[in-house]
Amino acid sequence: MTSGNPRLLWAMAFVAFCVLSMWLLMRAVRTIPIGTAYPVWTGIGAVGTVLLGIVVFGEPVTALRLFFIFTLVASVIGLRLV
C-alpha cells in the first residue's frame, strides 16, 4: 500500500535537506573561515551524492571512482588541517 505522491515526497525531502545543509554551513562559518567551510561543505555534498548513487540507485563501484572519492575526502581533511 502506497500513499502520497512519491515526487512530492522527494521534493519535500530535498527542501528539508537544503535548509539543514545551509543551516549547518552557517554554523560552521562562525568558527572556521568561509574559504575552508565552503570547500568542506561542497566536498561532503559531493561524496554524499556519490555514495547515495551507489547505495540507493545501484551505480557502479569502480576502483577509479573510489580513488577519486578518497582523494576528495583527503583534500577536505587537508584543507581543514591548514
Protein backbone atom coordinates (compact mmCIF):
# COMPACT_ATOMS: atom_id res chain seq x y z
CA MET A 1 0.00 0.00 0.00
CA THR A 2 1.45 3.34 -1.01
CA SER A 3 0.16 6.73 -0.09
CA GLY A 4 1.07 10.17 -1.30
CA ASN A 5 2.92 11.31 -4.34
CA PRO A 6 6.50 9.97 -4.49
CA ARG A 7 7.69 13.06 -6.38
CA LEU A 8 6.22 15.31 -3.72
CA LEU A 9 7.92 13.29 -1.00
CA TRP A 10 11.28 13.54 -2.81
CA ALA A 11 10.77 17.28 -3.28
CA MET A 12 9.93 17.78 0.39
CA ALA A 13 12.98 15.77 1.46
CA PHE A 14 15.14 17.81 -0.92
CA VAL A 15 13.93 21.11 0.51
CA ALA A 16 14.36 19.88 4.09
CA PHE A 17 17.93 18.75 3.42
CA CYS A 18 18.75 22.02 1.63
CA VAL A 19 17.58 24.01 4.64
CA LEU A 20 19.51 21.74 7.02
CA SER A 21 22.61 21.96 4.86
CA MET A 22 22.54 25.77 4.72
CA TRP A 23 21.97 25.97 8.47
CA LEU A 24 24.98 23.72 9.09
CA LEU A 25 27.12 25.84 6.75
CA MET A 26 26.00 28.96 8.60
CA ARG A 27 27.01 27.37 11.90
CA ALA A 28 30.38 26.29 10.51
CA VAL A 29 31.38 29.77 9.31
CA ARG A 30 31.01 31.03 12.86
CA THR A 31 34.15 29.11 13.83
CA ILE A 32 36.12 28.50 10.62
CA PRO A 33 36.86 30.76 7.64
CA ILE A 34 34.46 30.65 4.68
CA GLY A 35 37.40 29.68 2.44
CA THR A 36 37.61 26.44 4.39
CA ALA A 37 33.94 25.93 5.27
CA TYR A 38 32.61 26.11 1.71
CA PRO A 39 35.01 23.54 0.19
CA VAL A 40 34.33 21.21 3.12
CA TRP A 41 30.57 21.70 2.64
CA THR A 42 30.71 21.01 -1.09
CA GLY A 43 33.07 18.07 -0.59
CA ILE A 44 30.69 16.45 1.88
CA GLY A 45 27.84 17.02 -0.57
CA ALA A 46 29.78 15.52 -3.46
CA VAL A 47 30.85 12.43 -1.54
CA GLY A 48 27.36 12.00 -0.10
CA THR A 49 25.81 12.22 -3.56
CA VAL A 50 28.18 9.62 -4.98
CA LEU A 51 27.57 7.26 -2.06
CA LEU A 52 23.81 7.76 -2.35
CA GLY A 53 24.03 6.92 -6.04
CA ILE A 54 25.97 3.76 -5.27
CA VAL A 55 23.80 2.55 -2.38
CA VAL A 56 20.31 3.63 -3.47
CA PHE A 57 20.48 3.72 -7.26
CA GLY A 58 22.94 0.89 -7.87
CA GLU A 59 25.56 2.95 -9.67
CA PRO A 60 28.79 1.09 -10.42
CA VAL A 61 31.61 0.96 -7.89
CA THR A 62 34.97 1.05 -9.65
CA ALA A 63 38.49 1.35 -8.31
CA LEU A 64 38.94 4.68 -10.08
CA ARG A 65 35.73 6.05 -8.62
CA LEU A 66 36.73 5.00 -5.10
CA PHE A 67 40.17 6.54 -5.65
CA PHE A 68 38.68 9.92 -6.52
CA ILE A 69 36.26 9.80 -3.60
CA PHE A 70 39.22 9.10 -1.31
CA THR A 71 41.18 11.94 -2.93
CA LEU A 72 38.29 14.32 -2.37
CA VAL A 73 37.95 13.31 1.29
CA ALA A 74 41.72 13.62 1.81
CA SER A 75 41.65 17.10 0.24
CA VAL A 76 38.82 18.24 2.51
CA ILE A 77 40.67 16.93 5.56
CA GLY A 78 43.84 18.66 4.35
CA LEU A 79 42.01 21.98 3.97
CA ARG A 80 40.64 21.68 7.47
CA LEU A 81 44.11 20.99 8.91
CA VAL A 82 45.81 24.03 7.38
